[in-house]
Amino acid sequence: MPANLPPEYLKVEQQYAQAKTLEEKIRLTEELIRLAPKHKGTEKLLKMLKTRLAKLREEEERRRAKRAGRTTLTFAVKKEGAAQIVLLGFPNSGKSTVLRLLTSAKPEVAEYPFTTTRPEPGMMEFEDVQVQLVEAPAIIEGSAEGRGLGPAPLSLARTADAIALVIDLSEDPVLQLRVLLEELEKIRVKVNERPPAISFEPKSSGGIEIRGAELVAGGEKAVKRLLQEMRIHNASIIIREPVSIELLRDVIRGGIVFKPAFILATKSDSPRALENLRLLQTEIPEGFRVILVGNDIANLKKEIFKSLRVIRIYTKPPDGQPSKKPLVLNEGATVLDVARAVHKDFEKNLKFARVWGSTKFPGQQVSREYVLKDGDIVELHI
């Protein structure tokens, strides 16, 4: 089937041939993809354009990283407590107010933008654990490229255990959410996504070994073509679930982190708050929770803790009392994970456990693979 390219496409193609800057080439390639007809006759053309766009963006990221390495810094806050949550938001979105509300920290609160220029940590007490909240300096559109205070505030998201996107309900909530997610994407932070089941191991020799190539669109040929484009000649790749070639490229390039994220909606007493909250709820991506920041502090803390996707487990010796300080593990943790957290010898020699809480009856004997719930008491037997 012929491509039948429209005149607008051919005009942009000529502009691309004369383009001199990387930014211009990226913009024009995106335009070509938009203008190209979508049918069987243009499949190869669209594939070529998307591959070109990926290479151009990769080069743009390398240049950005090189510039950032010379001219910007990253922020780091030592983790304390059960988990660390970074508060990201626009200028004057209410981050400092949230920090003051939930912790004993005293950040400056003012009407002018960029009041906070350094990370502000504080400890939130929730029942028998403490959660560290870190207010990041304000994010604006283009922060990852150096606008505003630059990419340093975003770097806090890469190391935190979770991300709270602070959305001001007195302003356009959809715009705020879109910009924050785009800026995180630029620094290779993916939110509320599960890491793909892909193993990539570069080698010094031995050529390319691929398992599970049939799970990628285009099969083994597409995977090998990708590796050639990326100049990888010796590696082992194991693909355990269906993935796109774009996601496979991201995994091979490395540097991606996957973080849980939720929304803290502030200024709920503003005139347009209810209207904007409804709008936000219709536009949020799948997997996001919206937590309204109000006067019920106890419930607010509870909802934030739930958004961490962790559980508290209390260990006890046989015929002894449960520990007062819990182990904090990821949701889905098993008895074996508890044994591993206690001591490597327990992991190695564990025979079974008794659990109080989520089991059918108190002290029920369970296997090493038993999945625990928040608040369970576990007695390990070796």
Protein backbone atom coordinates (compact mmCIF):
# COMPACT_ATOMS: atom_id res chain seq x y z
CA MET A 1 0.00 0.00 0.00
CA PRO A 2 1.53 3.41 -0.99
CA ALA A 3 2.19 5.91 1.77
CA ASN A 4 0.34 8.83 0.05
CA LEU A 5 2.08 11.44 2.15
CA PRO A 6 0.27 14.80 2.37
CA PRO A 7 1.93 18.05 1.22
CA GLU A 8 2.22 19.24 4.83
CA TYR A 9 4.34 16.19 5.66
CA LEU A 10 6.67 16.76 2.68
CA LYS A 11 7.10 20.41 3.69
CA VAL A 12 8.13 19.47 7.24
CA GLU A 13 10.45 16.80 5.84
CA GLN A 14 12.29 19.50 3.87
CA GLN A 15 12.52 21.61 7.03
CA TYR A 16 14.03 18.66 8.88
CA ALA A 17 16.69 18.21 6.18
CA GLN A 18 17.77 21.81 6.80
CA ALA A 19 17.50 21.71 10.62
CA LYS A 20 20.73 22.45 12.47
CA THR A 21 19.90 22.17 16.18
CA LEU A 22 18.97 19.06 18.13
CA GLU A 23 15.90 20.75 19.59
CA GLU A 24 14.66 21.65 16.12
CA LYS A 25 15.17 18.09 14.85
CA ILE A 26 13.20 16.68 17.79
CA ARG A 27 10.34 19.12 17.24
CA LEU A 28 10.16 18.43 13.50
CA THR A 29 10.34 14.65 13.97
CA GLU A 30 7.42 14.84 16.40
CA GLU A 31 5.54 16.86 13.78
CA LEU A 32 6.32 14.27 11.08
CA ILE A 33 4.93 11.49 13.27
CA ARG A 34 1.78 13.54 13.80
CA LEU A 35 1.33 14.29 10.09
CA ALA A 36 2.12 10.82 8.73
CA PRO A 37 -1.02 8.85 7.72
CA LYS A 38 -1.71 5.89 9.99
CA HIS A 39 -2.23 2.81 7.80
CA LYS A 40 -0.38 -0.34 6.71
CA GLY A 41 1.56 1.49 4.01
CA THR A 42 3.21 3.81 6.54
CA GLU A 43 4.11 1.24 9.21
CA LYS A 44 7.81 1.16 8.29
CA LEU A 45 7.93 4.94 7.94
CA LEU A 46 6.38 5.50 11.39
CA LYS A 47 8.71 2.92 12.90
CA MET A 48 11.71 4.71 11.39
CA LEU A 49 10.49 8.09 12.66
CA LYS A 50 9.92 6.78 16.18
CA THR A 51 13.37 5.19 16.22
CA ARG A 52 14.89 8.46 15.04
CA LEU A 53 12.98 10.37 17.73
CA ALA A 54 14.20 7.99 20.43
CA LYS A 55 17.82 8.48 19.32
CA LEU A 56 17.45 12.25 19.23
CA ARG A 57 15.94 12.32 22.72
CA GLU A 58 18.70 10.05 23.97
CA GLU A 59 21.29 12.47 22.61
CA GLU A 60 19.40 15.39 24.16
CA GLU A 61 19.44 13.65 27.54
CA ARG A 62 23.18 12.96 27.30
CA ARG A 63 23.85 16.63 26.57
CA ARG A 64 21.53 17.73 29.38
CA ALA A 65 23.21 15.39 31.84
CA LYS A 66 26.63 16.65 30.78
CA ARG A 67 25.55 20.26 31.27
CA ALA A 68 23.91 19.46 34.59
CA GLY A 69 27.04 17.74 35.80
CA ARG A 70 28.97 20.95 35.31
CA THR A 71 26.48 23.55 36.44
CA THR A 72 23.96 22.07 38.87
CA LEU A 73 23.90 20.08 42.05
CA THR A 74 21.60 17.45 43.46
CA PHE A 75 19.93 17.53 46.85
CA ALA A 76 20.18 14.66 49.31
CA VAL A 77 18.48 14.19 52.66
CA LYS A 78 19.52 11.35 54.94
CA LYS A 79 16.61 8.96 55.43
CA GLU A 80 15.17 8.61 58.90
CA GLY A 81 12.17 6.75 60.27
CA ALA A 82 10.11 4.07 58.57
CA ALA A 83 10.08 5.76 55.14
CA GLN A 84 10.81 9.02 53.34
CA ILE A 85 8.21 10.94 51.34
CA VAL A 86 9.17 13.92 49.18
CA LEU A 87 6.63 16.73 48.71
CA LEU A 88 6.71 18.08 45.15
CA GLY A 89 4.61 20.95 43.88
CA PHE A 90 4.38 24.33 42.17
CA PRO A 91 5.41 27.54 43.96
CA ASN A 92 2.94 28.41 46.74
CA SER A 93 1.06 25.11 46.32
CA GLY A 94 0.98 24.53 50.08
CA LYS A 95 3.99 22.25 50.62
CA SER A 96 5.30 24.24 53.59
CA THR A 97 1.83 24.32 55.14
CA VAL A 98 1.57 20.53 54.85
CA LEU A 99 4.98 20.10 56.46
CA ARG A 100 4.05 22.41 59.34
CA LEU A 101 0.70 20.67 59.77
CA LEU A 102 2.11 17.15 60.02
CA THR A 103 5.52 17.61 61.63
CA SER A 104 7.33 19.84 64.11
CA ALA A 105 9.34 21.45 61.30
CA LYS A 106 8.97 25.21 60.91
CA PRO A 107 9.56 26.06 57.24
CA GLU A 108 8.98 29.63 56.15
CA VAL A 109 5.51 30.22 54.69
CA ALA A 110 5.16 33.26 52.43
CA GLU A 111 3.09 34.49 49.48
CA TYR A 112 6.04 34.95 47.14
CA PRO A 113 7.31 32.04 44.97
CA PHE A 114 10.44 29.95 45.72
CA THR A 115 10.31 30.68 49.44
CA THR A 116 11.95 27.28 50.03
CA THR A 117 15.37 27.03 48.37
CA ARG A 118 16.71 23.96 50.17
CA PRO A 119 15.04 20.66 51.20
CA GLU A 120 13.10 20.97 54.46
CA PRO A 121 12.73 17.65 56.37
CA GLY A 122 10.35 16.88 59.21
CA MET A 123 9.19 13.75 61.07
CA MET A 124 5.51 12.77 60.99
CA GLU A 125 4.43 10.55 63.87
CA PHE A 126 1.84 7.93 62.96
CA GLU A 127 0.85 5.56 65.73
CA ASP A 128 4.06 3.63 66.54
CA VAL A 129 6.19 4.68 63.54
CA GLN A 130 7.71 7.88 62.22
CA VAL A 131 7.65 8.88 58.56
CA GLN A 132 10.02 11.48 57.19
CA LEU A 133 8.47 14.19 55.03
CA VAL A 134 10.83 16.28 52.88
CA GLU A 135 9.59 19.48 51.30
CA ALA A 136 11.37 20.01 47.99
CA PRO A 137 11.89 23.50 46.56
CA ALA A 138 9.24 24.43 44.00
CA ILE A 139 8.95 22.72 40.61
CA ILE A 140 7.90 24.58 37.45
CA GLU A 141 7.61 23.60 33.82
CA GLY A 142 11.15 23.15 32.52
CA SER A 143 12.78 22.46 35.90
CA ALA A 144 14.49 19.37 34.51
CA GLU A 145 16.13 21.59 31.85
CA GLY A 146 17.31 24.19 34.34
CA ARG A 147 14.39 26.62 34.72
CA GLY A 148 13.50 27.94 38.16
CA LEU A 149 15.76 26.25 40.70
CA GLY A 150 16.78 23.63 38.14
CA PRO A 151 16.65 19.82 38.42
CA ALA A 152 18.07 19.59 41.96
CA PRO A 153 14.62 19.57 43.68
CA LEU A 154 13.50 16.76 41.35
CA SER A 155 16.52 14.67 42.33
CA LEU A 156 14.91 14.14 45.75
CA ALA A 157 12.22 12.03 44.05
CA ARG A 158 14.77 9.51 42.81
CA THR A 159 15.87 8.52 46.32
CA ALA A 160 12.63 8.92 48.31
CA ASP A 161 10.42 5.94 49.14
CA ALA A 162 7.32 7.71 47.81
CA ILE A 163 6.28 10.96 46.14
CA ALA A 164 3.48 13.27 47.26
CA LEU A 165 2.36 15.60 44.47
CA VAL A 166 1.00 18.69 46.23
CA ILE A 167 -1.80 20.14 44.09
CA ASP A 168 -3.28 23.57 44.84
CA LEU A 169 -7.08 23.41 44.40
CA SER A 170 -7.32 27.19 43.98
CA GLU A 171 -5.46 26.90 40.65
CA ASP A 172 -5.71 24.65 37.57
CA PRO A 173 -5.11 21.17 39.06
CA VAL A 174 -4.79 19.34 35.74
CA LEU A 175 -2.02 21.66 34.54
CA GLN A 176 -0.11 21.21 37.81
CA LEU A 177 -0.40 17.42 37.65
CA ARG A 178 0.62 17.28 34.00
CA VAL A 179 3.72 19.40 34.52
CA LEU A 180 4.85 17.52 37.63
CA LEU A 181 4.50 14.13 35.92
CA GLU A 182 6.29 15.38 32.80
CA GLU A 183 9.19 16.76 34.83
CA LEU A 184 9.53 13.45 36.69
CA GLU A 185 9.46 11.57 33.40
CA LYS A 186 12.32 13.73 32.12
CA ILE A 187 14.56 12.63 35.00
CA ARG A 188 13.52 8.99 34.41
CA VAL A 189 11.21 8.59 37.38
CA LYS A 190 8.13 6.48 36.64
CA VAL A 191 5.31 6.70 39.15
CA ASN A 192 2.75 4.07 40.13
CA GLU A 193 4.18 1.59 37.64
CA ARG A 194 5.55 -1.84 38.41
CA PRO A 195 9.13 -2.45 37.24
CA PRO A 196 8.97 -4.67 34.14
CA ALA A 197 10.09 -8.28 34.45
CA ILE A 198 13.22 -7.80 32.36
CA SER A 199 16.77 -8.78 33.22
CA PHE A 200 19.61 -7.11 31.30
CA GLU A 201 23.23 -7.98 31.96
CA PRO A 202 26.04 -6.55 29.79
CA LYS A 203 29.00 -8.88 29.20
CA SER A 204 32.55 -8.43 27.99
CA SER A 205 32.26 -11.21 25.40
CA GLY A 206 30.03 -14.03 24.22
CA GLY A 207 27.68 -12.14 21.93
CA ILE A 208 23.97 -11.63 22.47
CA GLU A 209 21.77 -14.07 24.38
CA ILE A 210 18.02 -13.36 24.30
CA ARG A 211 15.27 -15.26 26.08
CA GLY A 212 11.61 -14.28 25.79
CA ALA A 213 12.02 -12.22 22.60
CA GLU A 214 8.58 -13.40 21.46
CA LEU A 215 7.09 -11.20 24.19
CA VAL A 216 8.27 -8.06 22.37
CA ALA A 217 6.45 -6.71 19.31
CA GLY A 218 8.59 -7.64 16.33
CA GLY A 219 10.22 -10.56 18.12
CA GLU A 220 13.92 -11.36 18.12
CA LYS A 221 14.63 -9.27 15.01
CA ALA A 222 13.29 -6.14 16.70
CA VAL A 223 15.31 -6.81 19.88
CA LYS A 224 18.54 -7.42 17.93
CA ARG A 225 17.94 -4.29 15.83
CA LEU A 226 17.51 -2.28 19.03
CA LEU A 227 20.77 -3.64 20.45
CA GLN A 228 22.60 -2.79 17.23
CA GLU A 229 21.26 0.79 17.36
CA MET A 230 22.45 1.05 20.97
CA ARG A 231 25.84 -0.44 20.01
CA ILE A 232 25.51 -3.37 22.40
CA HIS A 233 27.27 -6.49 21.13
CA ASN A 234 27.65 -8.66 24.25
CA ALA A 235 24.77 -9.04 26.69
CA SER A 236 22.22 -11.39 28.22
CA ILE A 237 18.54 -10.35 28.13
CA ILE A 238 15.67 -12.24 29.76
CA ILE A 239 12.13 -10.96 29.10
CA ARG A 240 9.42 -12.50 31.29
CA GLU A 241 6.34 -10.50 30.29
CA PRO A 242 4.98 -8.64 27.23
CA VAL A 243 6.72 -5.27 26.85
CA SER A 244 7.01 -2.56 24.21
CA ILE A 245 10.29 -1.98 22.40
CA GLU A 246 10.35 1.53 23.93
CA LEU A 247 10.17 0.17 27.48
CA LEU A 248 12.85 -2.40 26.67
CA ARG A 249 15.05 0.45 25.44
CA ASP A 250 14.51 2.32 28.71
CA VAL A 251 15.45 -0.71 30.79
CA ILE A 252 18.62 -1.34 28.77
CA ARG A 253 19.65 2.31 29.02
CA GLY A 254 19.23 2.07 32.80
CA GLY A 255 18.72 4.84 35.32
CA ILE A 256 14.94 4.42 35.59
CA VAL A 257 13.42 4.32 39.07
CA PHE A 258 9.86 3.29 39.90
CA LYS A 259 8.14 5.08 42.79
CA PRO A 260 4.69 5.03 44.40
CA ALA A 261 3.01 8.41 44.24
CA PHE A 262 -0.18 10.05 45.49
CA ILE A 263 -1.77 13.49 45.44
CA LEU A 264 -2.17 15.83 48.40
CA ALA A 265 -4.87 18.35 47.46
CA THR A 266 -4.44 21.62 49.36
CA LYS A 267 -6.43 24.86 49.81
CA SER A 268 -9.75 22.99 49.93
CA ASP A 269 -11.45 26.12 51.34
CA SER A 270 -10.81 28.21 48.21
CA PRO A 271 -13.84 29.29 46.12
CA ARG A 272 -13.17 26.91 43.19
CA ALA A 273 -11.80 24.03 45.25
CA LEU A 274 -14.78 21.67 44.85
CA GLU A 275 -14.99 22.26 41.09
CA ASN A 276 -11.24 21.77 40.68
CA LEU A 277 -11.26 18.63 42.84
CA ARG A 278 -13.90 17.06 40.60
CA LEU A 279 -11.90 18.02 37.55
CA LEU A 280 -8.74 16.53 39.04
CA GLN A 281 -10.49 13.26 39.89
CA THR A 282 -11.64 12.85 36.29
CA GLU A 283 -8.14 13.42 34.91
CA ILE A 284 -5.81 11.53 37.26
CA PRO A 285 -3.95 8.52 35.84
CA GLU A 286 -4.84 5.04 36.99
CA GLY A 287 -3.34 4.08 40.33
CA PHE A 288 -3.37 7.56 41.88
CA ARG A 289 -5.07 8.36 45.18
CA VAL A 290 -6.21 11.89 46.01
CA ILE A 291 -5.93 12.84 49.69
CA LEU A 292 -7.65 16.05 50.73
CA VAL A 293 -5.63 18.14 53.17
CA GLY A 294 -8.12 19.31 55.79
CA ASN A 295 -8.55 19.63 59.52
CA ASP A 296 -8.68 15.91 60.35
CA ILE A 297 -4.95 15.47 60.98
CA ALA A 298 -5.23 11.93 62.33
CA ASN A 299 -7.03 10.70 59.21
CA LEU A 300 -4.62 12.61 56.97
CA LYS A 301 -1.66 10.83 58.56
CA LYS A 302 -3.42 7.48 58.20
CA GLU A 303 -4.12 8.04 54.50
CA ILE A 304 -0.53 9.13 53.85
CA PHE A 305 0.80 6.01 55.59
CA LYS A 306 -1.53 3.82 53.51
CA SER A 307 -0.16 5.43 50.35
CA LEU A 308 3.35 4.22 51.21
CA ARG A 309 2.25 0.65 50.41
CA VAL A 310 4.07 -0.74 53.43
CA ILE A 311 3.02 -2.85 56.40
CA ARG A 312 4.11 -3.05 60.05
CA ILE A 313 5.09 -6.46 61.38
CA TYR A 314 5.76 -7.23 65.06
CA THR A 315 8.04 -10.14 65.87
CA LYS A 316 7.91 -12.16 69.08
CA PRO A 317 9.95 -14.99 70.59
CA PRO A 318 8.19 -18.23 71.62
CA ASP A 319 6.40 -17.62 74.93
CA GLY A 320 7.48 -13.96 74.80
CA GLN A 321 5.84 -10.60 74.16
CA PRO A 322 5.61 -8.91 70.74
CA SER A 323 8.19 -6.24 69.97
CA LYS A 324 7.04 -2.67 70.48
CA LYS A 325 8.96 -1.42 67.46
CA PRO A 326 7.67 -2.94 64.21
CA LEU A 327 9.52 -4.02 61.12
CA VAL A 328 8.34 -1.97 58.14
CA LEU A 329 8.14 -4.03 54.95
CA ASN A 330 6.58 -3.62 51.52
CA GLU A 331 3.01 -4.74 50.92
CA GLY A 332 2.98 -8.38 49.87
CA ALA A 333 5.83 -9.30 52.22
CA THR A 334 5.95 -12.91 53.36
CA VAL A 335 7.10 -14.73 56.48
CA LEU A 336 10.39 -15.39 54.69
CA ASP A 337 10.85 -11.63 54.19
CA VAL A 338 10.46 -11.16 57.95
CA ALA A 339 13.06 -13.86 58.62
CA ARG A 340 15.42 -12.18 56.15
CA ALA A 341 14.95 -8.81 57.86
CA VAL A 342 15.63 -10.29 61.32
CA HIS A 343 18.81 -12.22 60.50
CA LYS A 344 20.29 -14.21 57.63
CA ASP A 345 20.41 -17.33 59.83
CA PHE A 346 16.65 -17.14 60.33
CA GLU A 347 16.16 -16.91 56.57
CA LYS A 348 18.40 -19.92 56.02
CA ASN A 349 17.02 -22.16 58.78
CA LEU A 350 13.37 -21.11 59.00
CA LYS A 351 10.96 -24.05 59.24
CA PHE A 352 7.64 -22.34 59.87
CA ALA A 353 6.04 -19.43 61.73
CA ARG A 354 3.02 -18.70 63.86
CA VAL A 355 1.00 -15.59 63.06
CA TRP A 356 -1.50 -13.52 65.04
CA GLY A 357 -3.70 -11.05 63.17
CA SER A 358 -4.51 -11.98 59.60
CA THR A 359 -4.82 -15.73 60.14
CA LYS A 360 -8.07 -17.63 60.70
CA PHE A 361 -7.20 -18.19 64.34
CA PRO A 362 -4.55 -16.69 66.68
CA GLY A 363 -1.13 -18.28 66.52
CA GLN A 364 -1.91 -20.29 63.39
CA GLN A 365 1.08 -22.14 61.93
CA VAL A 366 1.90 -20.89 58.42
CA SER A 367 4.49 -21.60 55.75
CA ARG A 368 7.46 -19.46 54.73
CA GLU A 369 5.44 -18.12 51.76
CA TYR A 370 2.50 -16.84 53.83
CA VAL A 371 1.63 -13.23 52.81
CA LEU A 372 1.33 -10.94 55.81
CA LYS A 373 -0.92 -7.97 56.56
CA ASP A 374 -0.34 -4.72 58.43
CA GLY A 375 -0.23 -5.27 62.18
CA ASP A 376 0.51 -9.01 62.08
CA ILE A 377 2.53 -10.57 64.91
CA VAL A 378 5.02 -13.20 63.72
CA GLU A 379 6.78 -15.88 65.75
CA LEU A 380 9.63 -17.50 63.80
CA HIS A 381 10.65 -21.13 64.35
CA ILE A 382 13.99 -22.53 63.14
